[in-house]
Amino acid sequence: MKTFKILIMILAISIALYEQVSEEKNIYITVIAIVVFMFGMMQLSAKNPSKNQEKEEDAD
């Protein structure tokens, strides 16, 4: 599932970059691609523990 999300994110960023270099820029496609990329980043980074989590566990 992680590799699928990474592939979708790479595809979304590729589409956004392609839209930026094309002559007729479609802002809606660019915005949707960026939203998909950010959502994917949020999903992937949600599983990483915080740097402060270890300190909080030691304090308890």
PDB file of N, CA and C in Angstrom:
ATOM      1  N   MET A   1       0.828  -1.190   0.000  1.00  0.00           N
ATOM      2  CA  MET A   1       0.000   0.000   0.000  1.00  0.00           C
ATOM      3  C   MET A   1       0.877   1.260   0.000  1.00  0.00           C
ATOM      4  N   LYS A   2       2.007   1.180   0.728  1.00  0.00           N
ATOM      5  CA  LYS A   2       2.905   2.325   0.805  1.00  0.00           C
ATOM      6  C   LYS A   2       3.481   2.651  -0.573  1.00  0.00           C
ATOM      7  N   THR A   3       3.872   1.620  -1.319  1.00  0.00           N
ATOM      8  CA  THR A   3       4.431   1.861  -2.652  1.00  0.00           C
ATOM      9  C   THR A   3       3.380   2.421  -3.596  1.00  0.00           C
ATOM     10  N   PHE A   4       2.128   1.995  -3.425  1.00  0.00           N
ATOM     11  CA  PHE A   4       1.036   2.524  -4.247  1.00  0.00           C
ATOM     12  C   PHE A   4       0.846   4.014  -3.992  1.00  0.00           C
ATOM     13  N   LYS A   5       0.898   4.406  -2.725  1.00  0.00           N
ATOM     14  CA  LYS A   5       0.754   5.827  -2.381  1.00  0.00           C
ATOM     15  C   LYS A   5       1.913   6.647  -2.938  1.00  0.00           C
ATOM     16  N   ILE A   6       3.112   6.094  -2.869  1.00  0.00           N
ATOM     17  CA  ILE A   6       4.279   6.809  -3.395  1.00  0.00           C
ATOM     18  C   ILE A   6       4.163   6.977  -4.906  1.00  0.00           C
ATOM     19  N   LEU A   7       3.707   5.930  -5.598  1.00  0.00           N
ATOM     20  CA  LEU A   7       3.527   6.034  -7.050  1.00  0.00           C
ATOM     21  C   LEU A   7       2.473   7.072  -7.421  1.00  0.00           C
ATOM     22  N   ILE A   8       1.381   7.108  -6.676  1.00  0.00           N
ATOM     23  CA  ILE A   8       0.331   8.104  -6.931  1.00  0.00           C
ATOM     24  C   ILE A   8       0.873   9.512  -6.693  1.00  0.00           C
ATOM     25  N   MET A   9       1.693   9.679  -5.657  1.00  0.00           N
ATOM     26  CA  MET A   9       2.268  10.994  -5.363  1.00  0.00           C
ATOM     27  C   MET A   9       3.236  11.427  -6.455  1.00  0.00           C
ATOM     28  N   ILE A  10       4.042  10.504  -6.950  1.00  0.00           N
ATOM     29  CA  ILE A  10       4.967  10.825  -8.037  1.00  0.00           C
ATOM     30  C   ILE A  10       4.191  11.207  -9.292  1.00  0.00           C
ATOM     31  N   LEU A  11       3.121  10.486  -9.571  1.00  0.00           N
ATOM     32  CA  LEU A  11       2.280  10.806 -10.723  1.00  0.00           C
ATOM     33  C   LEU A  11       1.644  12.190 -10.573  1.00  0.00           C
ATOM     34  N   ALA A  12       1.149  12.505  -9.377  1.00  0.00           N
ATOM     35  CA  ALA A  12       0.519  13.800  -9.139  1.00  0.00           C
ATOM     36  C   ALA A  12       1.513  14.940  -9.309  1.00  0.00           C
ATOM     37  N   ILE A  13       2.707  14.795  -8.780  1.00  0.00           N
ATOM     38  CA  ILE A  13       3.718  15.853  -8.919  1.00  0.00           C
ATOM     39  C   ILE A  13       4.157  15.982 -10.369  1.00  0.00           C
ATOM     40  N   SER A  14       4.256  14.853 -11.077  1.00  0.00           N
ATOM     41  CA  SER A  14       4.619  14.910 -12.491  1.00  0.00           C
ATOM     42  C   SER A  14       3.578  15.671 -13.304  1.00  0.00           C
ATOM     43  N   ILE A  15       2.319  15.423 -13.003  1.00  0.00           N
ATOM     44  CA  ILE A  15       1.241  16.136 -13.697  1.00  0.00           C
ATOM     45  C   ILE A  15       1.296  17.616 -13.371  1.00  0.00           C
ATOM     46  N   ALA A  16       1.529  17.956 -12.111  1.00  0.00           N
ATOM     47  CA  ALA A  16       1.602  19.371 -11.722  1.00  0.00           C
ATOM     48  C   ALA A  16       2.767  20.069 -12.421  1.00  0.00           C
ATOM     49  N   LEU A  17       3.914  19.417 -12.480  1.00  0.00           N
ATOM     50  CA  LEU A  17       5.063  20.018 -13.151  1.00  0.00           C
ATOM     51  C   LEU A  17       4.835  20.132 -14.656  1.00  0.00           C
ATOM     52  N   TYR A  18       4.188  19.146 -15.251  1.00  0.00           N
ATOM     53  CA  TYR A  18       3.886  19.201 -16.675  1.00  0.00           C
ATOM     54  C   TYR A  18       2.947  20.366 -16.987  1.00  0.00           C
ATOM     55  N   GLU A  19       1.974  20.568 -16.128  1.00  0.00           N
ATOM     56  CA  GLU A  19       1.035  21.676 -16.337  1.00  0.00           C
ATOM     57  C   GLU A  19       1.742  23.026 -16.235  1.00  0.00           C
ATOM     58  N   GLN A  20       2.771  23.119 -15.419  1.00  0.00           N
ATOM     59  CA  GLN A  20       3.483  24.387 -15.268  1.00  0.00           C
ATOM     60  C   GLN A  20       4.311  24.738 -16.493  1.00  0.00           C
ATOM     61  N   VAL A  21       4.807  23.743 -17.215  1.00  0.00           N
ATOM     62  CA  VAL A  21       5.636  24.032 -18.383  1.00  0.00           C
ATOM     63  C   VAL A  21       4.837  24.076 -19.680  1.00  0.00           C
ATOM     64  N   SER A  22       3.569  23.662 -19.639  1.00  0.00           N
ATOM     65  CA  SER A  22       2.763  23.700 -20.855  1.00  0.00           C
ATOM     66  C   SER A  22       2.337  25.133 -21.162  1.00  0.00           C
ATOM     67  N   GLU A  23       1.997  25.363 -22.421  1.00  0.00           N
ATOM     68  CA  GLU A  23       1.612  26.718 -22.830  1.00  0.00           C
ATOM     69  C   GLU A  23       0.263  27.117 -22.239  1.00  0.00           C
ATOM     70  N   GLU A  24      -0.696  26.186 -22.262  1.00  0.00           N
ATOM     71  CA  GLU A  24      -2.010  26.465 -21.683  1.00  0.00           C
ATOM     72  C   GLU A  24      -2.053  25.850 -20.290  1.00  0.00           C
ATOM     73  N   LYS A  25      -1.841  26.678 -19.287  1.00  0.00           N
ATOM     74  CA  LYS A  25      -1.824  26.192 -17.907  1.00  0.00           C
ATOM     75  C   LYS A  25      -3.253  26.059 -17.388  1.00  0.00           C
ATOM     76  N   ASN A  26      -3.556  24.881 -16.863  1.00  0.00           N
ATOM     77  CA  ASN A  26      -4.858  24.651 -16.251  1.00  0.00           C
ATOM     78  C   ASN A  26      -4.657  24.636 -14.736  1.00  0.00           C
ATOM     79  N   ILE A  27      -5.103  25.673 -14.078  1.00  0.00           N
ATOM     80  CA  ILE A  27      -4.863  25.833 -12.643  1.00  0.00           C
ATOM     81  C   ILE A  27      -5.592  24.767 -11.823  1.00  0.00           C
ATOM     82  N   TYR A  28      -6.730  24.297 -12.311  1.00  0.00           N
ATOM     83  CA  TYR A  28      -7.496  23.300 -11.559  1.00  0.00           C
ATOM     84  C   TYR A  28      -6.763  21.960 -11.505  1.00  0.00           C
ATOM     85  N   ILE A  29      -6.153  21.558 -12.602  1.00  0.00           N
ATOM     86  CA  ILE A  29      -5.386  20.307 -12.612  1.00  0.00           C
ATOM     87  C   ILE A  29      -4.181  20.435 -11.693  1.00  0.00           C
ATOM     88  N   THR A  30      -3.528  21.586 -11.714  1.00  0.00           N
ATOM     89  CA  THR A  30      -2.362  21.801 -10.852  1.00  0.00           C
ATOM     90  C   THR A  30      -2.758  21.748  -9.382  1.00  0.00           C
ATOM     91  N   VAL A  31      -3.851  22.383  -9.032  1.00  0.00           N
ATOM     92  CA  VAL A  31      -4.310  22.405  -7.637  1.00  0.00           C
ATOM     93  C   VAL A  31      -4.695  21.005  -7.181  1.00  0.00           C
ATOM     94  N   ILE A  32      -5.396  20.276  -8.020  1.00  0.00           N
ATOM     95  CA  ILE A  32      -5.802  18.915  -7.654  1.00  0.00           C
ATOM     96  C   ILE A  32      -4.571  18.027  -7.470  1.00  0.00           C
ATOM     97  N   ALA A  33      -3.585  18.178  -8.342  1.00  0.00           N
ATOM     98  CA  ALA A  33      -2.362  17.377  -8.229  1.00  0.00           C
ATOM     99  C   ALA A  33      -1.620  17.700  -6.939  1.00  0.00           C
ATOM    100  N   ILE A  34      -1.564  18.961  -6.572  1.00  0.00           N
ATOM    101  CA  ILE A  34      -0.883  19.347  -5.337  1.00  0.00           C
ATOM    102  C   ILE A  34      -1.643  18.846  -4.114  1.00  0.00           C
ATOM    103  N   VAL A  35      -2.956  18.898  -4.153  1.00  0.00           N
ATOM    104  CA  VAL A  35      -3.765  18.391  -3.033  1.00  0.00           C
ATOM    105  C   VAL A  35      -3.555  16.889  -2.871  1.00  0.00           C
ATOM    106  N   VAL A  36      -3.529  16.157  -3.986  1.00  0.00           N
ATOM    107  CA  VAL A  36      -3.290  14.715  -3.914  1.00  0.00           C
ATOM    108  C   VAL A  36      -1.905  14.436  -3.333  1.00  0.00           C
ATOM    109  N   PHE A  37      -0.909  15.201  -3.757  1.00  0.00           N
ATOM    110  CA  PHE A  37       0.442  15.032  -3.231  1.00  0.00           C
ATOM    111  C   PHE A  37       0.499  15.313  -1.727  1.00  0.00           C
ATOM    112  N   MET A  38      -0.110  16.404  -1.300  1.00  0.00           N
ATOM    113  CA  MET A  38      -0.081  16.750   0.125  1.00  0.00           C
ATOM    114  C   MET A  38      -0.845  15.724   0.970  1.00  0.00           C
ATOM    115  N   PHE A  39      -1.959  15.224   0.449  1.00  0.00           N
ATOM    116  CA  PHE A  39      -2.710  14.199   1.166  1.00  0.00           C
ATOM    117  C   PHE A  39      -1.872  12.928   1.309  1.00  0.00           C
ATOM    118  N   GLY A  40      -1.164  12.574   0.242  1.00  0.00           N
ATOM    119  CA  GLY A  40      -0.283  11.407   0.306  1.00  0.00           C
ATOM    120  C   GLY A  40       0.840  11.590   1.307  1.00  0.00           C
ATOM    121  N   MET A  41       1.426  12.787   1.342  1.00  0.00           N
ATOM    122  CA  MET A  41       2.477  13.072   2.317  1.00  0.00           C
ATOM    123  C   MET A  41       1.938  12.987   3.742  1.00  0.00           C
ATOM    124  N   MET A  42       0.720  13.474   3.934  1.00  0.00           N
ATOM    125  CA  MET A  42       0.107  13.413   5.259  1.00  0.00           C
ATOM    126  C   MET A  42      -0.101  11.960   5.679  1.00  0.00           C
ATOM    127  N   GLN A  43      -0.564  11.127   4.756  1.00  0.00           N
ATOM    128  CA  GLN A  43      -0.796   9.724   5.064  1.00  0.00           C
ATOM    129  C   GLN A  43       0.514   8.996   5.384  1.00  0.00           C
ATOM    130  N   LEU A  44       1.559   9.281   4.619  1.00  0.00           N
ATOM    131  CA  LEU A  44       2.835   8.602   4.849  1.00  0.00           C
ATOM    132  C   LEU A  44       3.531   9.081   6.118  1.00  0.00           C
ATOM    133  N   SER A  45       3.426  10.357   6.427  1.00  0.00           N
ATOM    134  CA  SER A  45       4.120  10.871   7.603  1.00  0.00           C
ATOM    135  C   SER A  45       3.333  10.641   8.893  1.00  0.00           C
ATOM    136  N   ALA A  46       2.093  10.245   8.797  1.00  0.00           N
ATOM    137  CA  ALA A  46       1.291   9.999   9.996  1.00  0.00           C
ATOM    138  C   ALA A  46       1.813   8.792  10.769  1.00  0.00           C
ATOM    139  N   LYS A  47       2.495   7.889  10.105  1.00  0.00           N
ATOM    140  CA  LYS A  47       2.986   6.683  10.762  1.00  0.00           C
ATOM    141  C   LYS A  47       4.337   6.880  11.420  1.00  0.00           C
ATOM    142  N   ASN A  48       4.999   7.991  11.159  1.00  0.00           N
ATOM    143  CA  ASN A  48       6.296   8.265  11.777  1.00  0.00           C
ATOM    144  C   ASN A  48       6.086   8.861  13.166  1.00  0.00           C
ATOM    145  N   PRO A  49       6.779   8.335  14.156  1.00  0.00           N
ATOM    146  CA  PRO A  49       6.621   8.888  15.502  1.00  0.00           C
ATOM    147  C   PRO A  49       7.277  10.271  15.614  1.00  0.00           C
ATOM    148  N   SER A  50       6.765  11.062  16.494  1.00  0.00           N
ATOM    149  CA  SER A  50       7.299  12.395  16.738  1.00  0.00           C
ATOM    150  C   SER A  50       8.647  12.295  17.441  1.00  0.00           C
ATOM    151  N   LYS A  51       9.492  13.305  17.252  1.00  0.00           N
ATOM    152  CA  LYS A  51      10.780  13.325  17.946  1.00  0.00           C
ATOM    153  C   LYS A  51      10.574  13.481  19.447  1.00  0.00           C
ATOM    154  N   ASN A  52       9.529  14.160  19.838  1.00  0.00           N
ATOM    155  CA  ASN A  52       9.264  14.416  21.252  1.00  0.00           C
ATOM    156  C   ASN A  52       8.525  13.265  21.923  1.00  0.00           C
ATOM    157  N   GLN A  53       8.094  12.277  21.159  1.00  0.00           N
ATOM    158  CA  GLN A  53       7.319  11.183  21.730  1.00  0.00           C
ATOM    159  C   GLN A  53       8.151  10.395  22.738  1.00  0.00           C
ATOM    160  N   GLU A  54       9.416  10.167  22.458  1.00  0.00           N
ATOM    161  CA  GLU A  54      10.267   9.441  23.386  1.00  0.00           C
ATOM    162  C   GLU A  54      10.448  10.215  24.685  1.00  0.00           C
ATOM    163  N   LYS A  55      10.612  11.525  24.588  1.00  0.00           N
ATOM    164  CA  LYS A  55      10.759  12.351  25.790  1.00  0.00           C
ATOM    165  C   LYS A  55       9.477  12.353  26.619  1.00  0.00           C
ATOM    166  N   GLU A  56       8.324  12.356  25.939  1.00  0.00           N
ATOM    167  CA  GLU A  56       7.054  12.347  26.653  1.00  0.00           C
ATOM    168  C   GLU A  56       6.849  11.024  27.375  1.00  0.00           C
ATOM    169  N   GLU A  57       7.276   9.902  26.760  1.00  0.00           N
ATOM    170  CA  GLU A  57       7.140   8.612  27.394  1.00  0.00           C
ATOM    171  C   GLU A  57       8.060   8.491  28.612  1.00  0.00           C
ATOM    172  N   ASP A  58       9.250   9.089  28.547  1.00  0.00           N
ATOM    173  CA  ASP A  58      10.165   9.060  29.677  1.00  0.00           C
ATOM    174  C   ASP A  58       9.636   9.893  30.844  1.00  0.00           C
ATOM    175  N   ALA A  59       8.914  10.967  30.547  1.00  0.00           N
ATOM    176  CA  ALA A  59       8.390  11.851  31.585  1.00  0.00           C
ATOM    177  C   ALA A  59       7.257  11.171  32.366  1.00  0.00           C
ATOM    178  N   ASP A  60       6.563  10.245  31.713  1.00  0.00           N
ATOM    179  CA  ASP A  60       5.436   9.575  32.396  1.00  0.00           C
ATOM    180  C   ASP A  60       5.988   8.571  33.336  1.00  0.00           C
TER     181      ASP A  60
END
